[in-house]
Amino acid sequence: MLRDTQKKYKSLHPYNYSTRLFVEISFLSIWKNNLSFERIADTDYEMTTDYGVVRVENILFHKHTKEKDIYHKTRKITYQNKTKKGKIRLISLLTNDFQMAAEDIIAIYKKRWLIETLFKQLKQNFPLRYFYGERANTIKKQIRITLIANLFITLVKNKIKRPWSFSGLATMIRILLMSYVSIQSFFEQQHRDWERLITQVKAPPEELSLV
């Protein structure tokens, strides 16, 4: 059924996206300059945010097939994005959501790097390349546990004052899981805690009393 849905959607849309899209699901993607379309409406909006003047176009895609002609309406939203060097760059977005405000759609797109950073952290620091079971419930549990662990390390990283990379924290916490140490004090003054642990290991065991 899923394959039939994908084939149907692929036949409806003559253009390609970087992510999988399905029928009756709202999508948001970057605009590609090689798309051919027909402009239905064109409006400019003055935003109160840093986006400046936002151009919203209602456009129509058309694909001719042997059976019939297929049409699909979408919105093209163009806004001004200021780079780190202070230059203005025009970015155009494509979506089939006609209800959400253009400002909200731009804000969603600008948060995409936060999602990409999360995916990168999960792939690099947690064993999500393979699963411990084949059932859907087992896979969901593993993903939830991974997200909880990722959140815990993020909270630790934000709480300590010394600069630590996320991967470095994940590695050290993995090593210290079976040790009775204070996570915050260790990452703040790790040399002092290491010396205390070494002293405890080198100390002779206490003599047992026979009484």
N, C-alpha and C. Protein backbone atom coordinates (compact mmCIF):
# COMPACT_ATOMS: atom_id res chain seq x y z
N MET A 1 0.83 -1.21 0.00
CA MET A 1 0.00 0.00 0.00
C MET A 1 0.86 1.25 0.00
N LEU A 2 1.96 1.22 0.79
CA LEU A 2 2.84 2.38 0.85
C LEU A 2 3.51 2.61 -0.50
N ARG A 3 3.92 1.53 -1.16
CA ARG A 3 4.55 1.67 -2.47
C ARG A 3 3.56 2.24 -3.49
N ASP A 4 2.30 1.79 -3.42
CA ASP A 4 1.29 2.33 -4.33
C ASP A 4 1.09 3.82 -4.11
N THR A 5 1.12 4.24 -2.84
CA THR A 5 0.97 5.67 -2.52
C THR A 5 2.15 6.47 -3.05
N GLN A 6 3.37 5.94 -2.90
CA GLN A 6 4.54 6.62 -3.41
C GLN A 6 4.49 6.75 -4.92
N LYS A 7 4.09 5.68 -5.60
CA LYS A 7 4.00 5.72 -7.07
C LYS A 7 2.96 6.73 -7.52
N LYS A 8 1.83 6.77 -6.81
CA LYS A 8 0.78 7.72 -7.15
C LYS A 8 1.24 9.15 -6.96
N TYR A 9 1.94 9.40 -5.85
CA TYR A 9 2.42 10.76 -5.59
C TYR A 9 3.49 11.15 -6.60
N LYS A 10 4.35 10.20 -6.94
CA LYS A 10 5.41 10.49 -7.90
C LYS A 10 4.82 10.85 -9.26
N SER A 11 3.72 10.21 -9.63
CA SER A 11 3.09 10.52 -10.91
C SER A 11 2.38 11.86 -10.90
N LEU A 12 2.00 12.33 -9.70
CA LEU A 12 1.29 13.60 -9.59
C LEU A 12 2.22 14.79 -9.68
N HIS A 13 3.50 14.62 -9.32
CA HIS A 13 4.40 15.75 -9.20
C HIS A 13 5.57 15.61 -10.15
N PRO A 14 5.76 16.54 -11.05
CA PRO A 14 6.86 16.47 -12.02
C PRO A 14 8.18 16.98 -11.47
N TYR A 15 8.26 17.36 -10.20
CA TYR A 15 9.47 17.91 -9.64
C TYR A 15 9.95 17.04 -8.49
N ASN A 16 11.20 17.20 -8.11
CA ASN A 16 11.82 16.35 -7.09
C ASN A 16 12.07 17.15 -5.83
N TYR A 17 11.99 16.48 -4.69
CA TYR A 17 12.28 17.08 -3.40
C TYR A 17 13.35 16.26 -2.71
N SER A 18 13.99 16.87 -1.72
CA SER A 18 15.05 16.18 -1.00
C SER A 18 14.50 15.20 0.03
N THR A 19 13.22 15.28 0.33
CA THR A 19 12.60 14.37 1.29
C THR A 19 11.42 13.68 0.65
N ARG A 20 10.98 12.54 1.22
CA ARG A 20 9.84 11.81 0.72
C ARG A 20 8.55 12.52 1.08
N LEU A 21 7.68 12.67 0.12
CA LEU A 21 6.43 13.36 0.33
C LEU A 21 5.28 12.42 0.00
N PHE A 22 4.19 12.55 0.70
CA PHE A 22 3.06 11.67 0.51
C PHE A 22 1.80 12.50 0.28
N VAL A 23 0.79 11.86 -0.26
CA VAL A 23 -0.45 12.53 -0.58
C VAL A 23 -1.12 13.03 0.70
N GLU A 24 -1.68 14.24 0.61
CA GLU A 24 -2.44 14.84 1.69
C GLU A 24 -1.58 15.13 2.92
N ILE A 25 -0.28 15.32 2.74
CA ILE A 25 0.62 15.71 3.82
C ILE A 25 1.28 17.03 3.44
N SER A 26 1.27 18.00 4.35
CA SER A 26 1.89 19.28 4.06
C SER A 26 3.40 19.12 3.99
N PHE A 27 4.01 19.78 3.02
CA PHE A 27 5.46 19.71 2.88
C PHE A 27 6.04 21.11 2.79
N LEU A 28 7.32 21.19 3.06
CA LEU A 28 8.07 22.44 2.97
C LEU A 28 9.45 22.11 2.43
N SER A 29 9.80 22.74 1.32
CA SER A 29 11.08 22.43 0.67
C SER A 29 11.67 23.69 0.08
N ILE A 30 12.97 23.63 -0.19
CA ILE A 30 13.65 24.74 -0.84
C ILE A 30 13.27 24.76 -2.31
N TRP A 31 13.17 25.95 -2.86
CA TRP A 31 12.79 26.12 -4.27
C TRP A 31 13.95 25.80 -5.19
N LYS A 32 13.66 25.15 -6.31
CA LYS A 32 14.66 24.85 -7.33
C LYS A 32 14.39 25.69 -8.56
N ASN A 33 15.45 26.26 -9.11
CA ASN A 33 15.29 27.21 -10.20
C ASN A 33 14.88 26.58 -11.52
N ASN A 34 15.02 25.28 -11.66
CA ASN A 34 14.70 24.64 -12.94
C ASN A 34 13.25 24.18 -13.04
N LEU A 35 12.40 24.60 -12.11
CA LEU A 35 11.00 24.18 -12.14
C LEU A 35 10.21 25.04 -13.12
N SER A 36 9.33 24.41 -13.85
CA SER A 36 8.43 25.12 -14.76
C SER A 36 7.04 25.16 -14.14
N PHE A 37 6.43 26.36 -14.13
CA PHE A 37 5.16 26.53 -13.45
C PHE A 37 4.40 27.69 -14.07
N GLU A 38 3.16 27.85 -13.63
CA GLU A 38 2.31 28.98 -14.04
C GLU A 38 1.92 29.77 -12.80
N ARG A 39 2.18 31.06 -12.81
CA ARG A 39 1.87 31.92 -11.67
C ARG A 39 0.40 32.31 -11.70
N ILE A 40 -0.31 32.05 -10.58
CA ILE A 40 -1.73 32.38 -10.48
C ILE A 40 -1.95 33.70 -9.77
N ALA A 41 -1.24 33.91 -8.65
CA ALA A 41 -1.38 35.14 -7.87
C ALA A 41 -0.01 35.52 -7.33
N ASP A 42 0.17 36.82 -7.08
CA ASP A 42 1.47 37.32 -6.61
C ASP A 42 1.20 38.48 -5.65
N THR A 43 1.69 38.37 -4.41
CA THR A 43 1.44 39.38 -3.39
C THR A 43 2.71 39.63 -2.60
N ASP A 44 2.96 40.88 -2.23
CA ASP A 44 4.09 41.25 -1.38
C ASP A 44 3.58 41.67 -0.01
N TYR A 45 4.27 41.19 1.05
CA TYR A 45 3.90 41.52 2.42
C TYR A 45 5.08 42.17 3.12
N GLU A 46 4.81 43.22 3.88
CA GLU A 46 5.84 43.88 4.68
C GLU A 46 5.81 43.29 6.08
N MET A 47 6.86 42.53 6.44
CA MET A 47 6.91 41.86 7.73
C MET A 47 7.52 42.78 8.78
N THR A 48 7.10 42.59 10.03
CA THR A 48 7.66 43.36 11.14
C THR A 48 8.95 42.73 11.66
N THR A 49 9.29 41.55 11.20
CA THR A 49 10.51 40.87 11.63
C THR A 49 11.66 41.23 10.69
N ASP A 50 12.75 40.47 10.81
CA ASP A 50 13.94 40.73 10.00
C ASP A 50 13.82 40.22 8.57
N TYR A 51 12.68 39.65 8.22
CA TYR A 51 12.52 39.08 6.88
C TYR A 51 12.31 40.14 5.82
N GLY A 52 11.97 41.36 6.24
CA GLY A 52 11.73 42.44 5.27
C GLY A 52 10.45 42.22 4.48
N VAL A 53 10.52 42.50 3.18
CA VAL A 53 9.38 42.29 2.29
C VAL A 53 9.37 40.83 1.86
N VAL A 54 8.24 40.17 2.10
CA VAL A 54 8.09 38.76 1.74
C VAL A 54 7.15 38.65 0.56
N ARG A 55 7.59 37.93 -0.45
CA ARG A 55 6.78 37.73 -1.65
C ARG A 55 6.13 36.36 -1.61
N VAL A 56 4.81 36.32 -1.73
CA VAL A 56 4.05 35.07 -1.72
C VAL A 56 3.37 34.90 -3.07
N GLU A 57 3.66 33.80 -3.73
CA GLU A 57 3.10 33.51 -5.04
C GLU A 57 2.31 32.21 -5.00
N ASN A 58 1.14 32.22 -5.55
CA ASN A 58 0.37 31.00 -5.75
C ASN A 58 0.66 30.50 -7.16
N ILE A 59 1.19 29.30 -7.24
CA ILE A 59 1.63 28.80 -8.54
C ILE A 59 0.96 27.46 -8.82
N LEU A 60 0.99 27.08 -10.08
CA LEU A 60 0.33 25.87 -10.54
C LEU A 60 1.31 25.04 -11.35
N PHE A 61 1.49 23.78 -10.93
CA PHE A 61 2.31 22.85 -11.68
C PHE A 61 1.41 21.99 -12.57
N HIS A 62 1.91 21.68 -13.73
CA HIS A 62 1.13 20.92 -14.69
C HIS A 62 1.97 19.79 -15.27
N LYS A 63 1.37 18.61 -15.33
CA LYS A 63 2.04 17.47 -15.93
C LYS A 63 1.08 16.78 -16.89
N HIS A 64 1.57 16.53 -18.08
CA HIS A 64 0.76 15.87 -19.10
C HIS A 64 1.09 14.39 -19.13
N THR A 65 0.08 13.55 -18.98
CA THR A 65 0.24 12.11 -19.06
C THR A 65 -0.64 11.56 -20.18
N LYS A 66 -0.47 10.29 -20.44
CA LYS A 66 -1.27 9.66 -21.50
C LYS A 66 -2.74 9.59 -21.11
N GLU A 67 -2.99 9.42 -19.81
CA GLU A 67 -4.37 9.29 -19.35
C GLU A 67 -5.07 10.64 -19.22
N LYS A 68 -4.39 11.61 -18.56
CA LYS A 68 -5.01 12.91 -18.33
C LYS A 68 -3.95 13.93 -17.95
N ASP A 69 -4.36 15.20 -17.89
CA ASP A 69 -3.49 16.27 -17.42
C ASP A 69 -3.68 16.44 -15.92
N ILE A 70 -2.56 16.54 -15.22
CA ILE A 70 -2.59 16.62 -13.76
C ILE A 70 -2.11 18.00 -13.33
N TYR A 71 -2.83 18.63 -12.39
CA TYR A 71 -2.49 19.96 -11.90
C TYR A 71 -2.30 19.90 -10.37
N HIS A 72 -1.38 20.73 -9.88
CA HIS A 72 -1.12 20.77 -8.44
C HIS A 72 -0.79 22.20 -8.04
N LYS A 73 -1.55 22.75 -7.07
CA LYS A 73 -1.36 24.11 -6.61
C LYS A 73 -0.44 24.14 -5.39
N THR A 74 0.47 25.09 -5.37
CA THR A 74 1.39 25.27 -4.25
C THR A 74 1.65 26.76 -4.03
N ARG A 75 2.39 27.04 -2.97
CA ARG A 75 2.78 28.42 -2.67
C ARG A 75 4.30 28.55 -2.71
N LYS A 76 4.76 29.63 -3.30
CA LYS A 76 6.18 29.96 -3.31
C LYS A 76 6.37 31.20 -2.45
N ILE A 77 7.21 31.07 -1.42
CA ILE A 77 7.44 32.16 -0.47
C ILE A 77 8.90 32.57 -0.55
N THR A 78 9.15 33.83 -0.87
CA THR A 78 10.50 34.36 -1.01
C THR A 78 10.74 35.43 0.06
N TYR A 79 11.84 35.29 0.79
CA TYR A 79 12.14 36.25 1.85
C TYR A 79 13.63 36.62 1.82
N GLN A 80 13.97 37.68 2.55
CA GLN A 80 15.35 38.16 2.61
C GLN A 80 16.05 37.56 3.82
N ASN A 81 17.14 36.87 3.58
CA ASN A 81 17.92 36.26 4.66
C ASN A 81 19.26 36.97 4.76
N LYS A 82 19.58 37.46 5.96
CA LYS A 82 20.84 38.17 6.17
C LYS A 82 21.91 37.17 6.61
N THR A 83 23.02 37.13 5.88
CA THR A 83 24.11 36.22 6.19
C THR A 83 24.95 36.78 7.34
N LYS A 84 25.95 35.99 7.79
CA LYS A 84 26.80 36.41 8.89
C LYS A 84 27.66 37.62 8.50
N LYS A 85 27.94 37.76 7.22
CA LYS A 85 28.73 38.89 6.75
C LYS A 85 27.88 40.14 6.50
N GLY A 86 26.58 40.04 6.74
CA GLY A 86 25.70 41.19 6.57
C GLY A 86 25.09 41.32 5.19
N LYS A 87 25.35 40.37 4.30
CA LYS A 87 24.79 40.44 2.96
C LYS A 87 23.36 39.88 2.95
N ILE A 88 22.56 40.39 2.00
CA ILE A 88 21.17 39.97 1.85
C ILE A 88 21.09 38.89 0.78
N ARG A 89 20.48 37.79 1.12
CA ARG A 89 20.31 36.68 0.19
C ARG A 89 18.83 36.31 0.11
N LEU A 90 18.33 36.17 -1.11
CA LEU A 90 16.93 35.80 -1.30
C LEU A 90 16.79 34.29 -1.28
N ILE A 91 15.87 33.80 -0.45
CA ILE A 91 15.59 32.37 -0.34
C ILE A 91 14.13 32.14 -0.66
N SER A 92 13.86 31.18 -1.54
CA SER A 92 12.50 30.85 -1.93
C SER A 92 12.14 29.47 -1.41
N LEU A 93 10.95 29.36 -0.83
CA LEU A 93 10.45 28.11 -0.27
C LEU A 93 9.22 27.66 -1.04
N LEU A 94 8.98 26.37 -1.05
CA LEU A 94 7.84 25.79 -1.74
C LEU A 94 7.03 24.96 -0.75
N THR A 95 5.73 25.21 -0.68
CA THR A 95 4.87 24.47 0.25
C THR A 95 3.47 24.35 -0.33
N ASN A 96 2.75 23.33 0.11
CA ASN A 96 1.35 23.19 -0.29
C ASN A 96 0.40 23.58 0.84
N ASP A 97 0.94 24.20 1.89
CA ASP A 97 0.13 24.67 3.01
C ASP A 97 -0.32 26.10 2.73
N PHE A 98 -1.62 26.28 2.52
CA PHE A 98 -2.18 27.60 2.23
C PHE A 98 -2.78 28.26 3.47
N GLN A 99 -2.82 27.55 4.60
CA GLN A 99 -3.44 28.08 5.80
C GLN A 99 -2.44 28.79 6.71
N MET A 100 -1.25 28.25 6.84
CA MET A 100 -0.25 28.81 7.75
C MET A 100 0.29 30.13 7.21
N ALA A 101 0.57 31.05 8.13
CA ALA A 101 1.11 32.35 7.73
C ALA A 101 2.51 32.19 7.16
N ALA A 102 2.85 33.09 6.25
CA ALA A 102 4.16 33.02 5.60
C ALA A 102 5.29 33.17 6.61
N GLU A 103 5.10 34.00 7.62
CA GLU A 103 6.12 34.20 8.65
C GLU A 103 6.37 32.92 9.44
N ASP A 104 5.31 32.16 9.72
CA ASP A 104 5.46 30.90 10.44
C ASP A 104 6.18 29.85 9.60
N ILE A 105 5.90 29.82 8.32
CA ILE A 105 6.56 28.87 7.43
C ILE A 105 8.05 29.17 7.34
N ILE A 106 8.41 30.44 7.27
CA ILE A 106 9.83 30.82 7.23
C ILE A 106 10.51 30.43 8.53
N ALA A 107 9.83 30.65 9.66
CA ALA A 107 10.42 30.30 10.96
C ALA A 107 10.66 28.80 11.07
N ILE A 108 9.75 27.99 10.56
CA ILE A 108 9.92 26.53 10.57
C ILE A 108 11.12 26.13 9.74
N TYR A 109 11.26 26.75 8.58
CA TYR A 109 12.39 26.41 7.72
C TYR A 109 13.73 26.80 8.35
N LYS A 110 13.75 27.92 9.04
CA LYS A 110 15.01 28.39 9.65
C LYS A 110 15.45 27.49 10.81
N LYS A 111 14.54 26.69 11.36
CA LYS A 111 14.89 25.78 12.45
C LYS A 111 15.37 24.43 11.95
N ARG A 112 15.49 24.27 10.64
CA ARG A 112 15.86 22.97 10.09
C ARG A 112 17.24 22.53 10.56
N TRP A 113 18.16 23.48 10.80
CA TRP A 113 19.51 23.11 11.20
C TRP A 113 19.54 22.55 12.62
N LEU A 114 18.60 22.97 13.46
CA LEU A 114 18.52 22.39 14.80
C LEU A 114 18.15 20.91 14.71
N ILE A 115 17.27 20.58 13.78
CA ILE A 115 16.89 19.18 13.58
C ILE A 115 18.05 18.39 13.01
N GLU A 116 18.77 18.99 12.05
CA GLU A 116 19.92 18.31 11.47
C GLU A 116 21.01 18.06 12.51
N THR A 117 21.21 19.04 13.40
CA THR A 117 22.20 18.87 14.47
C THR A 117 21.80 17.74 15.41
N LEU A 118 20.51 17.63 15.72
CA LEU A 118 20.04 16.54 16.58
C LEU A 118 20.29 15.19 15.92
N PHE A 119 19.96 15.06 14.64
CA PHE A 119 20.19 13.81 13.92
C PHE A 119 21.68 13.46 13.90
N LYS A 120 22.52 14.45 13.72
CA LYS A 120 23.96 14.21 13.70
C LYS A 120 24.46 13.72 15.05
N GLN A 121 23.96 14.32 16.13
CA GLN A 121 24.35 13.89 17.47
C GLN A 121 23.92 12.45 17.73
N LEU A 122 22.71 12.11 17.33
CA LEU A 122 22.20 10.76 17.56
C LEU A 122 23.00 9.72 16.79
N LYS A 123 23.37 10.04 15.55
CA LYS A 123 24.11 9.09 14.73
C LYS A 123 25.54 8.91 15.22
N GLN A 124 26.16 9.98 15.69
CA GLN A 124 27.56 9.91 16.08
C GLN A 124 27.78 9.34 17.47
N ASN A 125 26.85 9.54 18.38
CA ASN A 125 27.10 9.21 19.78
C ASN A 125 26.25 8.08 20.35
N PHE A 126 25.28 7.59 19.59
CA PHE A 126 24.41 6.54 20.11
C PHE A 126 24.26 5.43 19.07
N PRO A 127 24.10 4.19 19.53
CA PRO A 127 24.02 3.05 18.60
C PRO A 127 22.66 2.91 17.94
N LEU A 128 22.30 3.86 17.11
CA LEU A 128 21.03 3.77 16.38
C LEU A 128 21.23 3.24 14.96
N ARG A 129 22.44 2.79 14.65
CA ARG A 129 22.66 2.22 13.32
C ARG A 129 22.08 0.82 13.22
N TYR A 130 21.86 0.20 14.36
CA TYR A 130 21.23 -1.11 14.40
C TYR A 130 20.29 -1.14 15.59
N PHE A 131 19.31 -2.03 15.53
CA PHE A 131 18.31 -2.13 16.59
C PHE A 131 18.39 -3.49 17.26
N TYR A 132 18.00 -3.53 18.52
CA TYR A 132 18.09 -4.75 19.31
C TYR A 132 16.90 -5.68 19.09
N GLY A 133 15.92 -5.24 18.37
CA GLY A 133 14.76 -6.08 18.07
C GLY A 133 14.14 -5.67 16.76
N GLU A 134 13.21 -6.48 16.30
CA GLU A 134 12.55 -6.22 15.02
C GLU A 134 11.13 -5.70 15.18
N ARG A 135 10.56 -5.82 16.36
CA ARG A 135 9.21 -5.32 16.57
C ARG A 135 9.19 -3.80 16.65
N ALA A 136 8.07 -3.24 16.21
CA ALA A 136 7.94 -1.77 16.19
C ALA A 136 8.03 -1.19 17.59
N ASN A 137 7.43 -1.87 18.57
CA ASN A 137 7.45 -1.36 19.94
C ASN A 137 8.87 -1.34 20.49
N THR A 138 9.67 -2.37 20.17
CA THR A 138 11.06 -2.42 20.63
C THR A 138 11.89 -1.31 20.02
N ILE A 139 11.68 -1.03 18.75
CA ILE A 139 12.42 0.04 18.07
C ILE A 139 12.03 1.40 18.65
N LYS A 140 10.74 1.59 18.94
CA LYS A 140 10.29 2.86 19.52
C LYS A 140 10.92 3.08 20.90
N LYS A 141 11.01 2.01 21.69
CA LYS A 141 11.61 2.13 23.03
C LYS A 141 13.08 2.53 22.92
N GLN A 142 13.79 1.92 21.98
CA GLN A 142 15.21 2.24 21.82
C GLN A 142 15.40 3.69 21.39
N ILE A 143 14.55 4.17 20.51
CA ILE A 143 14.64 5.56 20.06
C ILE A 143 14.31 6.52 21.21
N ARG A 144 13.31 6.19 22.01
CA ARG A 144 12.94 7.06 23.14
C ARG A 144 14.06 7.11 24.18
N ILE A 145 14.66 5.96 24.47
CA ILE A 145 15.77 5.94 25.43
C ILE A 145 16.94 6.77 24.90
N THR A 146 17.20 6.69 23.61
CA THR A 146 18.27 7.48 23.00
C THR A 146 17.99 8.96 23.10
N LEU A 147 16.75 9.36 22.87
CA LEU A 147 16.38 10.77 22.97
C LEU A 147 16.51 11.27 24.41
N ILE A 148 16.14 10.43 25.39
CA ILE A 148 16.28 10.81 26.80
C ILE A 148 17.75 10.99 27.16
N ALA A 149 18.60 10.05 26.70
CA ALA A 149 20.04 10.17 26.97
C ALA A 149 20.62 11.41 26.31
N ASN A 150 20.17 11.72 25.09
CA ASN A 150 20.64 12.92 24.40
C ASN A 150 20.23 14.18 25.14
N LEU A 151 19.01 14.19 25.66
CA LEU A 151 18.53 15.34 26.44
C LEU A 151 19.33 15.49 27.73
N PHE A 152 19.63 14.37 28.39
CA PHE A 152 20.40 14.42 29.63
C PHE A 152 21.79 15.02 29.39
N ILE A 153 22.48 14.58 28.34
CA ILE A 153 23.81 15.11 28.05
C ILE A 153 23.73 16.59 27.67
N THR A 154 22.69 16.97 26.96
CA THR A 154 22.51 18.39 26.61
C THR A 154 22.32 19.25 27.85
N LEU A 155 21.56 18.77 28.81
CA LEU A 155 21.36 19.51 30.06
C LEU A 155 22.67 19.64 30.84
N VAL A 156 23.45 18.55 30.87
CA VAL A 156 24.75 18.60 31.55
C VAL A 156 25.67 19.61 30.86
N LYS A 157 25.68 19.60 29.54
CA LYS A 157 26.53 20.51 28.77
C LYS A 157 26.17 21.97 29.02
N ASN A 158 24.88 22.25 29.16
CA ASN A 158 24.43 23.62 29.40
C ASN A 158 24.67 24.06 30.85
N LYS A 159 24.78 23.10 31.77
CA LYS A 159 24.91 23.43 33.19
C LYS A 159 26.35 23.70 33.60
N ILE A 160 27.29 22.94 33.02
CA ILE A 160 28.68 23.12 33.42
C ILE A 160 29.25 24.37 32.74
N LYS A 161 30.25 24.96 33.39
CA LYS A 161 30.83 26.20 32.90
C LYS A 161 31.99 25.96 31.93
N ARG A 162 32.72 24.88 32.13
CA ARG A 162 33.86 24.61 31.27
C ARG A 162 33.39 24.16 29.89
N PRO A 163 34.12 24.55 28.84
CA PRO A 163 33.70 24.15 27.48
C PRO A 163 33.98 22.67 27.22
N TRP A 164 32.93 21.94 26.86
CA TRP A 164 33.03 20.54 26.49
C TRP A 164 32.25 20.32 25.20
N SER A 165 32.79 19.49 24.34
CA SER A 165 32.04 19.11 23.15
C SER A 165 31.01 18.06 23.52
N PHE A 166 29.97 17.95 22.72
CA PHE A 166 28.91 16.98 23.01
C PHE A 166 29.46 15.56 22.95
N SER A 167 30.29 15.28 21.95
CA SER A 167 30.87 13.94 21.82
C SER A 167 31.79 13.61 22.99
N GLY A 168 32.56 14.61 23.45
CA GLY A 168 33.43 14.40 24.59
C GLY A 168 32.65 14.08 25.85
N LEU A 169 31.57 14.81 26.09
CA LEU A 169 30.73 14.54 27.25
C LEU A 169 30.11 13.15 27.17
N ALA A 170 29.60 12.79 25.98
CA ALA A 170 28.98 11.48 25.83
C ALA A 170 29.97 10.36 26.12
N THR A 171 31.21 10.52 25.64
CA THR A 171 32.23 9.49 25.87
C THR A 171 32.58 9.38 27.35
N MET A 172 32.79 10.51 28.02
CA MET A 172 33.17 10.49 29.43
C MET A 172 32.04 9.96 30.31
N ILE A 173 30.81 10.33 30.02
CA ILE A 173 29.68 9.82 30.80
C ILE A 173 29.55 8.32 30.61
N ARG A 174 29.80 7.83 29.41
CA ARG A 174 29.76 6.39 29.16
C ARG A 174 30.82 5.66 29.99
N ILE A 175 32.00 6.28 30.16
CA ILE A 175 33.07 5.67 30.95
C ILE A 175 32.75 5.69 32.44
N LEU A 176 32.09 6.76 32.90
CA LEU A 176 31.84 6.96 34.34
C LEU A 176 30.51 6.40 34.82
N LEU A 177 29.83 5.64 33.98
CA LEU A 177 28.50 5.15 34.38
C LEU A 177 28.55 4.30 35.64
N MET A 178 29.61 3.51 35.83
CA MET A 178 29.71 2.61 36.99
C MET A 178 30.54 3.20 38.12
N SER A 179 30.82 4.50 38.06
CA SER A 179 31.61 5.16 39.10
C SER A 179 30.72 6.10 39.91
N TYR A 180 30.99 6.16 41.22
CA TYR A 180 30.21 7.03 42.11
C TYR A 180 30.89 8.40 42.17
N VAL A 181 30.66 9.21 41.17
CA VAL A 181 31.23 10.55 41.13
C VAL A 181 30.12 11.54 40.79
N SER A 182 30.34 12.77 41.18
CA SER A 182 29.42 13.84 40.84
C SER A 182 29.72 14.30 39.41
N ILE A 183 28.74 14.20 38.55
CA ILE A 183 28.95 14.54 37.14
C ILE A 183 29.37 15.99 37.00
N GLN A 184 28.67 16.89 37.69
CA GLN A 184 28.96 18.31 37.54
C GLN A 184 30.35 18.66 38.08
N SER A 185 30.68 18.17 39.27
CA SER A 185 31.99 18.49 39.84
C SER A 185 33.11 17.85 39.05
N PHE A 186 32.88 16.68 38.49
CA PHE A 186 33.92 16.02 37.72
C PHE A 186 34.26 16.81 36.46
N PHE A 187 33.25 17.27 35.75
CA PHE A 187 33.51 18.01 34.51
C PHE A 187 34.00 19.42 34.78
N GLU A 188 33.72 19.94 35.97
CA GLU A 188 34.24 21.26 36.32
C GLU A 188 35.69 21.17 36.79
N GLN A 189 36.00 20.16 37.61
CA GLN A 189 37.34 19.99 38.17
C GLN A 189 37.72 18.51 38.07
N GLN A 190 37.89 18.05 36.84
CA GLN A 190 38.12 16.63 36.64
C GLN A 190 39.45 16.14 37.21
N HIS A 191 40.48 16.99 37.26
CA HIS A 191 41.77 16.56 37.78
C HIS A 191 41.67 16.22 39.28
N ARG A 192 40.92 17.04 40.01
CA ARG A 192 40.76 16.79 41.44
C ARG A 192 40.02 15.48 41.68
N ASP A 193 38.98 15.20 40.91
CA ASP A 193 38.23 13.96 41.08
C ASP A 193 39.04 12.75 40.66
N TRP A 194 39.87 12.90 39.60
CA TRP A 194 40.72 11.78 39.18
C TRP A 194 41.73 11.44 40.28
N GLU A 195 42.30 12.45 40.91
CA GLU A 195 43.26 12.21 41.99
C GLU A 195 42.59 11.51 43.17
N ARG A 196 41.37 11.89 43.47
CA ARG A 196 40.66 11.24 44.57
C ARG A 196 40.37 9.78 44.25
N LEU A 197 39.95 9.49 43.01
CA LEU A 197 39.67 8.11 42.61
C LEU A 197 40.94 7.26 42.65
N ILE A 198 42.05 7.84 42.15
CA ILE A 198 43.32 7.08 42.15
C ILE A 198 43.77 6.80 43.58
N THR A 199 43.58 7.78 44.48
CA THR A 199 43.96 7.58 45.88
C THR A 199 43.13 6.46 46.51
N GLN A 200 41.86 6.40 46.19
CA GLN A 200 41.01 5.36 46.73
C GLN A 200 41.42 3.98 46.21
N VAL A 201 41.84 3.90 44.96
CA VAL A 201 42.24 2.62 44.38
C VAL A 201 43.55 2.14 44.99
N LYS A 202 44.49 3.06 45.18
CA LYS A 202 45.81 2.69 45.72
C LYS A 202 45.77 2.41 47.22
N ALA A 203 44.80 2.91 47.92
CA ALA A 203 44.73 2.72 49.38
C ALA A 203 44.53 1.25 49.70
N PRO A 204 45.23 0.71 50.72
CA PRO A 204 45.08 -0.71 51.10
C PRO A 204 43.69 -0.96 51.66
N PRO A 205 43.18 -2.14 51.46
CA PRO A 205 41.83 -2.45 51.98
C PRO A 205 41.83 -2.50 53.50
N GLU A 206 40.71 -2.19 54.11
CA GLU A 206 40.59 -2.20 55.55
C GLU A 206 40.64 -3.63 56.07
N GLU A 207 41.31 -3.81 57.20
CA GLU A 207 41.42 -5.14 57.81
C GLU A 207 40.12 -5.51 58.48
N LEU A 208 39.71 -6.73 58.24
CA LEU A 208 38.46 -7.21 58.81
C LEU A 208 38.69 -7.70 60.24
N SER A 209 37.79 -7.36 61.12
CA SER A 209 37.89 -7.79 62.51
C SER A 209 37.24 -9.15 62.68
N LEU A 210 37.90 -10.04 63.44
CA LEU A 210 37.38 -11.38 63.69
C LEU A 210 36.42 -11.42 64.86
N VAL A 211 36.29 -10.29 65.55
CA VAL A 211 35.40 -10.24 66.72
C VAL A 211 33.96 -10.07 66.27
